């Protein structure tokens, strides 16, 4: 028992940002990149999650999906303490994430205030972008906080790469082929995909809007729901 306790203590702490839960539920599957992220996330839950101590903000702090059932019990839900909110305000004042949603700043503050070693996210345009990470690091250094490593599930493995998946491999092969064909010109690639959408409308996926917890509960209530 003592040995097990020591091994548990040695696990790195990982803060799970809400986009990880969204991709876990396969909510995003409108293109190959999102489908690949879903598969990578699911593989991470199965192969890597047990290697870490996991925690996240409780559901009250923002809408989120759900991890696979067998992983949920291992995730500790925390509340946003006064320290978390104060740190979030300080990060905002330091302009650490200009233009980013408040919930993103709150997630970073929660990870930092609770001594996370890693913050895992799929928000590659904000939290995990090189530009924002540099600003976040500077702000946390100036405030005297230890900064967590910000990463995606694909980057956070203890045993090397996640198990190869034929769909992920195919996505990467096609992505590399298209990038090479258009010389990494993002505008040219966007135009290419727009033409593909017009040529094959039957391949597009249109999902109904995801119900919020409040609206879902109201619809199940005999009293109904009235927007304010």
C-alpha atoms as a PDB file:
ATOM      1  CA  UNK A   1       0.000   0.000   0.000  1.00  0.00           C
ATOM      2  CA  UNK A   2       2.809   2.397   0.850  1.00  0.00           C
ATOM      3  CA  UNK A   3       4.508   1.760  -2.513  1.00  0.00           C
ATOM      4  CA  UNK A   4       1.255   2.440  -4.358  1.00  0.00           C
ATOM      5  CA  UNK A   5       0.838   5.699  -2.475  1.00  0.00           C
ATOM      6  CA  UNK A   6       4.364   6.768  -3.479  1.00  0.00           C
ATOM      7  CA  UNK A   7       3.678   5.939  -7.130  1.00  0.00           C
ATOM      8  CA  UNK A   8       0.454   7.947  -7.054  1.00  0.00           C
ATOM      9  CA  UNK A   9       2.270  10.892  -5.495  1.00  0.00           C
ATOM     10  CA  UNK A  10       4.806  10.831  -8.331  1.00  0.00           C
ATOM     11  CA  UNK A  11       2.170  11.251 -11.040  1.00  0.00           C
ATOM     12  CA  UNK A  12       2.204  14.555 -12.874  1.00  0.00           C
ATOM     13  CA  UNK A  13      -0.884  16.716 -12.472  1.00  0.00           C
ATOM     14  CA  UNK A  14      -2.828  17.449 -15.655  1.00  0.00           C
ATOM     15  CA  UNK A  15      -5.529  20.091 -15.905  1.00  0.00           C
ATOM     16  CA  UNK A  16      -8.122  19.044 -18.494  1.00  0.00           C
ATOM     17  CA  UNK A  17      -9.402  22.081 -20.391  1.00  0.00           C
ATOM     18  CA  UNK A  18     -13.002  21.926 -21.670  1.00  0.00           C
ATOM     19  CA  UNK A  19     -12.160  21.430 -25.374  1.00  0.00           C
ATOM     20  CA  UNK A  20     -10.746  17.999 -24.481  1.00  0.00           C
ATOM     21  CA  UNK A  21     -14.187  16.905 -23.306  1.00  0.00           C
ATOM     22  CA  UNK A  22     -15.821  18.312 -26.427  1.00  0.00           C
ATOM     23  CA  UNK A  23     -13.571  16.295 -28.711  1.00  0.00           C
ATOM     24  CA  UNK A  24     -14.077  13.239 -26.497  1.00  0.00           C
ATOM     25  CA  UNK A  25     -17.774  13.207 -27.369  1.00  0.00           C
ATOM     26  CA  UNK A  26     -17.101  13.527 -31.116  1.00  0.00           C
ATOM     27  CA  UNK A  27     -19.102  16.733 -31.217  1.00  0.00           C
ATOM     28  CA  UNK A  28     -16.669  18.121 -33.786  1.00  0.00           C
ATOM     29  CA  UNK A  29     -16.535  15.991 -36.928  1.00  0.00           C
ATOM     30  CA  UNK A  30     -17.075  18.446 -39.745  1.00  0.00           C
ATOM     31  CA  UNK A  31     -13.643  17.879 -41.303  1.00  0.00           C
ATOM     32  CA  UNK A  32     -10.739  15.457 -41.276  1.00  0.00           C
ATOM     33  CA  UNK A  33      -8.676  17.453 -38.785  1.00  0.00           C
ATOM     34  CA  UNK A  34     -11.480  17.441 -36.200  1.00  0.00           C
ATOM     35  CA  UNK A  35     -12.129  13.748 -36.761  1.00  0.00           C
ATOM     36  CA  UNK A  36      -8.443  13.077 -36.152  1.00  0.00           C
ATOM     37  CA  UNK A  37      -8.494  15.106 -32.939  1.00  0.00           C
ATOM     38  CA  UNK A  38     -11.413  13.036 -31.700  1.00  0.00           C
ATOM     39  CA  UNK A  39      -9.540   9.798 -32.361  1.00  0.00           C
ATOM     40  CA  UNK A  40      -6.335  11.119 -30.772  1.00  0.00           C
ATOM     41  CA  UNK A  41      -8.259  12.268 -27.693  1.00  0.00           C
ATOM     42  CA  UNK A  42     -10.063   8.959 -27.340  1.00  0.00           C
ATOM     43  CA  UNK A  43      -6.764   7.087 -27.662  1.00  0.00           C
ATOM     44  CA  UNK A  44      -5.236   9.321 -24.974  1.00  0.00           C
ATOM     45  CA  UNK A  45      -8.038   8.515 -22.540  1.00  0.00           C
ATOM     46  CA  UNK A  46      -7.543   4.796 -23.114  1.00  0.00           C
ATOM     47  CA  UNK A  47      -3.739   4.635 -23.200  1.00  0.00           C
ATOM     48  CA  UNK A  48      -2.363   7.554 -21.205  1.00  0.00           C
ATOM     49  CA  UNK A  49      -4.878   9.000 -18.749  1.00  0.00           C
ATOM     50  CA  UNK A  50      -4.030   6.501 -15.996  1.00  0.00           C
ATOM     51  CA  UNK A  51      -0.437   7.786 -15.976  1.00  0.00           C
ATOM     52  CA  UNK A  52      -1.497  11.182 -14.641  1.00  0.00           C
ATOM     53  CA  UNK A  53      -3.427  12.847 -11.855  1.00  0.00           C
ATOM     54  CA  UNK A  54      -6.346  14.550 -13.603  1.00  0.00           C
ATOM     55  CA  UNK A  55      -8.446  17.515 -12.576  1.00  0.00           C
ATOM     56  CA  UNK A  56     -10.748  20.062 -14.195  1.00  0.00           C
ATOM     57  CA  UNK A  57     -13.124  22.872 -13.330  1.00  0.00           C
ATOM     58  CA  UNK A  58     -16.529  21.670 -12.192  1.00  0.00           C
ATOM     59  CA  UNK A  59     -19.463  21.739 -14.651  1.00  0.00           C
ATOM     60  CA  UNK A  60     -20.809  24.919 -13.042  1.00  0.00           C
ATOM     61  CA  UNK A  61     -17.779  26.814 -14.356  1.00  0.00           C
ATOM     62  CA  UNK A  62     -18.617  26.212 -18.019  1.00  0.00           C
ATOM     63  CA  UNK A  63     -20.431  23.795 -20.310  1.00  0.00           C
ATOM     64  CA  UNK A  64     -18.462  20.672 -21.152  1.00  0.00           C
ATOM     65  CA  UNK A  65     -18.891  17.252 -22.657  1.00  0.00           C
ATOM     66  CA  UNK A  66     -17.813  14.051 -20.952  1.00  0.00           C
ATOM     67  CA  UNK A  67     -14.836  11.722 -20.939  1.00  0.00           C
ATOM     68  CA  UNK A  68     -15.380   7.986 -21.433  1.00  0.00           C
ATOM     69  CA  UNK A  69     -17.328   6.587 -18.478  1.00  0.00           C
ATOM     70  CA  UNK A  70     -14.435   4.531 -17.144  1.00  0.00           C
ATOM     71  CA  UNK A  71     -12.244   7.658 -16.928  1.00  0.00           C
ATOM     72  CA  UNK A  72     -14.720  10.018 -15.279  1.00  0.00           C
ATOM     73  CA  UNK A  73     -14.185   8.663 -11.771  1.00  0.00           C
ATOM     74  CA  UNK A  74     -10.465   9.494 -11.993  1.00  0.00           C
ATOM     75  CA  UNK A  75     -11.048  13.180 -12.754  1.00  0.00           C
ATOM     76  CA  UNK A  76     -11.207  15.505  -9.771  1.00  0.00           C
ATOM     77  CA  UNK A  77     -13.597  18.417 -10.236  1.00  0.00           C
ATOM     78  CA  UNK A  78     -12.482  21.628  -8.553  1.00  0.00           C
ATOM     79  CA  UNK A  79     -14.228  24.923  -7.919  1.00  0.00           C
ATOM     80  CA  UNK A  80     -12.895  28.281  -9.006  1.00  0.00           C
ATOM     81  CA  UNK A  81     -11.611  29.671  -5.710  1.00  0.00           C
ATOM     82  CA  UNK A  82     -11.058  33.327  -4.917  1.00  0.00           C
ATOM     83  CA  UNK A  83      -7.365  32.798  -5.732  1.00  0.00           C
ATOM     84  CA  UNK A  84      -8.305  31.464  -9.171  1.00  0.00           C
ATOM     85  CA  UNK A  85     -10.509  34.475  -9.902  1.00  0.00           C
ATOM     86  CA  UNK A  86      -7.869  36.898  -8.618  1.00  0.00           C
ATOM     87  CA  UNK A  87      -5.223  35.269 -10.801  1.00  0.00           C
ATOM     88  CA  UNK A  88      -7.572  35.364 -13.802  1.00  0.00           C
ATOM     89  CA  UNK A  89      -8.066  39.096 -13.226  1.00  0.00           C
ATOM     90  CA  UNK A  90      -4.292  39.573 -12.997  1.00  0.00           C
ATOM     91  CA  UNK A  91      -3.779  37.694 -16.284  1.00  0.00           C
ATOM     92  CA  UNK A  92      -6.419  39.848 -17.925  1.00  0.00           C
ATOM     93  CA  UNK A  93      -4.737  42.981 -16.603  1.00  0.00           C
ATOM     94  CA  UNK A  94      -1.412  41.738 -17.969  1.00  0.00           C
ATOM     95  CA  UNK A  95      -3.049  41.216 -21.390  1.00  0.00           C
ATOM     96  CA  UNK A  96      -1.876  37.605 -21.379  1.00  0.00           C
ATOM     97  CA  UNK A  97      -4.674  36.432 -23.704  1.00  0.00           C
ATOM     98  CA  UNK A  98      -5.905  39.469 -25.657  1.00  0.00           C
ATOM     99  CA  UNK A  99      -9.280  38.782 -27.235  1.00  0.00           C
ATOM    100  CA  UNK A 100      -9.640  35.299 -25.720  1.00  0.00           C
ATOM    101  CA  UNK A 101     -12.882  34.322 -23.938  1.00  0.00           C
ATOM    102  CA  UNK A 102     -12.931  34.851 -20.174  1.00  0.00           C
ATOM    103  CA  UNK A 103     -13.410  31.108 -19.617  1.00  0.00           C
ATOM    104  CA  UNK A 104     -10.035  30.422 -21.287  1.00  0.00           C
ATOM    105  CA  UNK A 105      -8.311  32.766 -18.844  1.00  0.00           C
ATOM    106  CA  UNK A 106     -10.169  31.125 -15.952  1.00  0.00           C
ATOM    107  CA  UNK A 107      -8.972  27.677 -17.051  1.00  0.00           C
ATOM    108  CA  UNK A 108      -5.360  28.828 -17.121  1.00  0.00           C
ATOM    109  CA  UNK A 109      -5.732  30.441 -13.694  1.00  0.00           C
ATOM    110  CA  UNK A 110      -7.282  27.259 -12.285  1.00  0.00           C
ATOM    111  CA  UNK A 111      -4.458  25.119 -13.647  1.00  0.00           C
ATOM    112  CA  UNK A 112      -1.791  27.448 -12.257  1.00  0.00           C
ATOM    113  CA  UNK A 113      -3.407  27.998  -8.848  1.00  0.00           C
ATOM    114  CA  UNK A 114      -3.722  24.236  -8.380  1.00  0.00           C
ATOM    115  CA  UNK A 115      -0.089  23.535  -9.331  1.00  0.00           C
ATOM    116  CA  UNK A 116      -0.733  21.680 -12.571  1.00  0.00           C
ATOM    117  CA  UNK A 117       2.314  20.311 -14.361  1.00  0.00           C
ATOM    118  CA  UNK A 118       0.430  20.288 -17.665  1.00  0.00           C
ATOM    119  CA  UNK A 119      -2.598  22.048 -19.117  1.00  0.00           C
ATOM    120  CA  UNK A 120      -4.067  19.883 -21.865  1.00  0.00           C
ATOM    121  CA  UNK A 121      -6.199  21.591 -24.506  1.00  0.00           C
ATOM    122  CA  UNK A 122      -7.213  21.525 -28.154  1.00  0.00           C
ATOM    123  CA  UNK A 123      -7.558  25.319 -28.350  1.00  0.00           C
ATOM    124  CA  UNK A 124      -4.594  25.690 -30.673  1.00  0.00           C
ATOM    125  CA  UNK A 125      -5.613  29.166 -31.827  1.00  0.00           C
ATOM    126  CA  UNK A 126      -5.610  30.666 -28.337  1.00  0.00           C
ATOM    127  CA  UNK A 127      -4.342  28.853 -25.247  1.00  0.00           C
ATOM    128  CA  UNK A 128      -1.981  26.498 -27.089  1.00  0.00           C
ATOM    129  CA  UNK A 129      -0.776  28.873 -29.799  1.00  0.00           C
ATOM    130  CA  UNK A 130       2.888  29.858 -29.709  1.00  0.00           C
ATOM    131  CA  UNK A 131       1.917  33.539 -29.578  1.00  0.00           C
ATOM    132  CA  UNK A 132      -0.354  33.165 -26.559  1.00  0.00           C
ATOM    133  CA  UNK A 133       1.909  30.733 -24.723  1.00  0.00           C
ATOM    134  CA  UNK A 134       4.702  33.284 -24.829  1.00  0.00           C
ATOM    135  CA  UNK A 135       2.438  35.976 -23.399  1.00  0.00           C
ATOM    136  CA  UNK A 136       1.085  33.613 -20.735  1.00  0.00           C
ATOM    137  CA  UNK A 137       4.612  32.609 -19.696  1.00  0.00           C
ATOM    138  CA  UNK A 138       5.718  36.222 -19.347  1.00  0.00           C
ATOM    139  CA  UNK A 139       2.641  37.144 -17.317  1.00  0.00           C
ATOM    140  CA  UNK A 140       2.982  34.185 -14.942  1.00  0.00           C
ATOM    141  CA  UNK A 141       6.718  34.789 -14.498  1.00  0.00           C
ATOM    142  CA  UNK A 142       6.070  38.412 -13.587  1.00  0.00           C
ATOM    143  CA  UNK A 143       3.394  37.327 -11.089  1.00  0.00           C
ATOM    144  CA  UNK A 144       5.722  34.774  -9.499  1.00  0.00           C
ATOM    145  CA  UNK A 145       3.769  31.639 -10.474  1.00  0.00           C
ATOM    146  CA  UNK A 146       5.083  28.358 -11.812  1.00  0.00           C
ATOM    147  CA  UNK A 147       3.679  27.915 -15.301  1.00  0.00           C
ATOM    148  CA  UNK A 148       2.333  24.563 -16.542  1.00  0.00           C
ATOM    149  CA  UNK A 149       3.340  23.110 -19.874  1.00  0.00           C
ATOM    150  CA  UNK A 150       0.507  23.747 -22.334  1.00  0.00           C
ATOM    151  CA  UNK A 151      -0.008  20.840 -24.721  1.00  0.00           C
ATOM    152  CA  UNK A 152      -2.437  18.741 -26.757  1.00  0.00           C
ATOM    153  CA  UNK A 153      -3.203  15.051 -26.061  1.00  0.00           C
ATOM    154  CA  UNK A 154      -0.910  14.078 -28.931  1.00  0.00           C
ATOM    155  CA  UNK A 155       2.003  15.786 -27.177  1.00  0.00           C
ATOM    156  CA  UNK A 156       1.316  14.434 -23.689  1.00  0.00           C
ATOM    157  CA  UNK A 157       2.426  10.805 -23.695  1.00  0.00           C
ATOM    158  CA  UNK A 158       4.793   8.864 -21.469  1.00  0.00           C
ATOM    159  CA  UNK A 159       5.404   5.983 -23.814  1.00  0.00           C
ATOM    160  CA  UNK A 160       6.106   7.811 -27.059  1.00  0.00           C
ATOM    161  CA  UNK A 161       3.476   8.187 -29.746  1.00  0.00           C
ATOM    162  CA  UNK A 162      -0.076   7.012 -29.240  1.00  0.00           C
ATOM    163  CA  UNK A 163      -0.937   3.708 -30.827  1.00  0.00           C
ATOM    164  CA  UNK A 164      -1.132   4.109 -34.582  1.00  0.00           C
ATOM    165  CA  UNK A 165      -4.660   4.322 -35.940  1.00  0.00           C
ATOM    166  CA  UNK A 166      -5.274   3.769 -39.671  1.00  0.00           C
ATOM    167  CA  UNK A 167      -7.730   6.676 -39.868  1.00  0.00           C
ATOM    168  CA  UNK A 168      -5.334   9.086 -38.162  1.00  0.00           C
ATOM    169  CA  UNK A 169      -2.504   7.874 -40.397  1.00  0.00           C
ATOM    170  CA  UNK A 170      -4.667   8.473 -43.479  1.00  0.00           C
ATOM    171  CA  UNK A 171      -5.637  11.963 -42.269  1.00  0.00           C
ATOM    172  CA  UNK A 172      -1.974  12.866 -41.803  1.00  0.00           C
ATOM    173  CA  UNK A 173      -1.009  11.452 -45.199  1.00  0.00           C
ATOM    174  CA  UNK A 174      -3.733  13.419 -47.003  1.00  0.00           C
ATOM    175  CA  UNK A 175      -2.919  16.570 -45.018  1.00  0.00           C
ATOM    176  CA  UNK A 176       0.749  16.371 -45.977  1.00  0.00           C
ATOM    177  CA  UNK A 177      -0.161  15.693 -49.613  1.00  0.00           C
ATOM    178  CA  UNK A 178      -2.500  18.706 -49.810  1.00  0.00           C
ATOM    179  CA  UNK A 179      -0.027  20.997 -48.052  1.00  0.00           C
ATOM    180  CA  UNK A 180       2.674  19.987 -50.504  1.00  0.00           C
ATOM    181  CA  UNK A 181       0.367  20.366 -53.501  1.00  0.00           C
ATOM    182  CA  UNK A 182      -0.528  23.942 -52.555  1.00  0.00           C
ATOM    183  CA  UNK A 183       2.876  24.858 -51.139  1.00  0.00           C
ATOM    184  CA  UNK A 184       1.307  25.464 -47.695  1.00  0.00           C
ATOM    185  CA  UNK A 185      -0.760  28.359 -49.101  1.00  0.00           C
ATOM    186  CA  UNK A 186      -3.695  28.536 -46.669  1.00  0.00           C
ATOM    187  CA  UNK A 187      -5.858  30.616 -49.014  1.00  0.00           C
ATOM    188  CA  UNK A 188      -5.370  28.205 -51.881  1.00  0.00           C
ATOM    189  CA  UNK A 189      -6.186  25.249 -49.635  1.00  0.00           C
ATOM    190  CA  UNK A 190      -9.328  26.968 -48.322  1.00  0.00           C
ATOM    191  CA  UNK A 191     -10.518  27.540 -51.897  1.00  0.00           C
ATOM    192  CA  UNK A 192      -9.784  23.894 -52.714  1.00  0.00           C
ATOM    193  CA  UNK A 193     -11.926  22.687 -49.811  1.00  0.00           C
ATOM    194  CA  UNK A 194     -14.758  25.074 -50.699  1.00  0.00           C
ATOM    195  CA  UNK A 195     -14.868  23.573 -54.192  1.00  0.00           C
ATOM    196  CA  UNK A 196     -14.865  20.072 -52.710  1.00  0.00           C
ATOM    197  CA  UNK A 197     -17.848  20.992 -50.519  1.00  0.00           C
ATOM    198  CA  UNK A 198     -19.756  22.206 -53.584  1.00  0.00           C
ATOM    199  CA  UNK A 199     -18.855  19.078 -55.562  1.00  0.00           C
ATOM    200  CA  UNK A 200     -19.849  16.682 -52.773  1.00  0.00           C
ATOM    201  CA  UNK A 201     -22.603  18.213 -50.597  1.00  0.00           C
ATOM    202  CA  UNK A 202     -23.682  14.693 -49.599  1.00  0.00           C
ATOM    203  CA  UNK A 203     -20.457  14.350 -47.592  1.00  0.00           C
ATOM    204  CA  UNK A 204     -21.144  17.362 -45.365  1.00  0.00           C
ATOM    205  CA  UNK A 205     -22.348  16.770 -41.827  1.00  0.00           C
ATOM    206  CA  UNK A 206     -24.951  19.066 -40.279  1.00  0.00           C
ATOM    207  CA  UNK A 207     -25.423  18.525 -36.559  1.00  0.00           C
ATOM    208  CA  UNK A 208     -28.259  19.919 -34.435  1.00  0.00           C
ATOM    209  CA  UNK A 209     -27.210  22.536 -31.861  1.00  0.00           C
ATOM    210  CA  UNK A 210     -26.034  21.083 -28.589  1.00  0.00           C
ATOM    211  CA  UNK A 211     -28.514  21.675 -25.791  1.00  0.00           C
ATOM    212  CA  UNK A 212     -27.202  23.568 -22.797  1.00  0.00           C
ATOM    213  CA  UNK A 213     -27.696  22.044 -19.373  1.00  0.00           C
ATOM    214  CA  UNK A 214     -30.161  24.778 -18.431  1.00  0.00           C
ATOM    215  CA  UNK A 215     -32.323  24.380 -21.534  1.00  0.00           C
ATOM    216  CA  UNK A 216     -32.215  20.570 -21.386  1.00  0.00           C
ATOM    217  CA  UNK A 217     -33.382  20.595 -17.768  1.00  0.00           C
ATOM    218  CA  UNK A 218     -36.134  23.114 -18.566  1.00  0.00           C
ATOM    219  CA  UNK A 219     -37.438  21.021 -21.447  1.00  0.00           C
ATOM    220  CA  UNK A 220     -37.700  18.044 -19.151  1.00  0.00           C
ATOM    221  CA  UNK A 221     -39.470  20.118 -16.514  1.00  0.00           C
ATOM    222  CA  UNK A 222     -43.295  20.304 -16.618  1.00  0.00           C
ATOM    223  CA  UNK A 223     -43.058  24.059 -16.037  1.00  0.00           C
ATOM    224  CA  UNK A 224     -40.989  24.578 -19.212  1.00  0.00           C
ATOM    225  CA  UNK A 225     -38.399  27.239 -19.809  1.00  0.00           C
ATOM    226  CA  UNK A 226     -38.738  30.890 -20.645  1.00  0.00           C
ATOM    227  CA  UNK A 227     -35.792  32.910 -21.849  1.00  0.00           C
ATOM    228  CA  UNK A 228     -35.089  36.129 -20.032  1.00  0.00           C
END
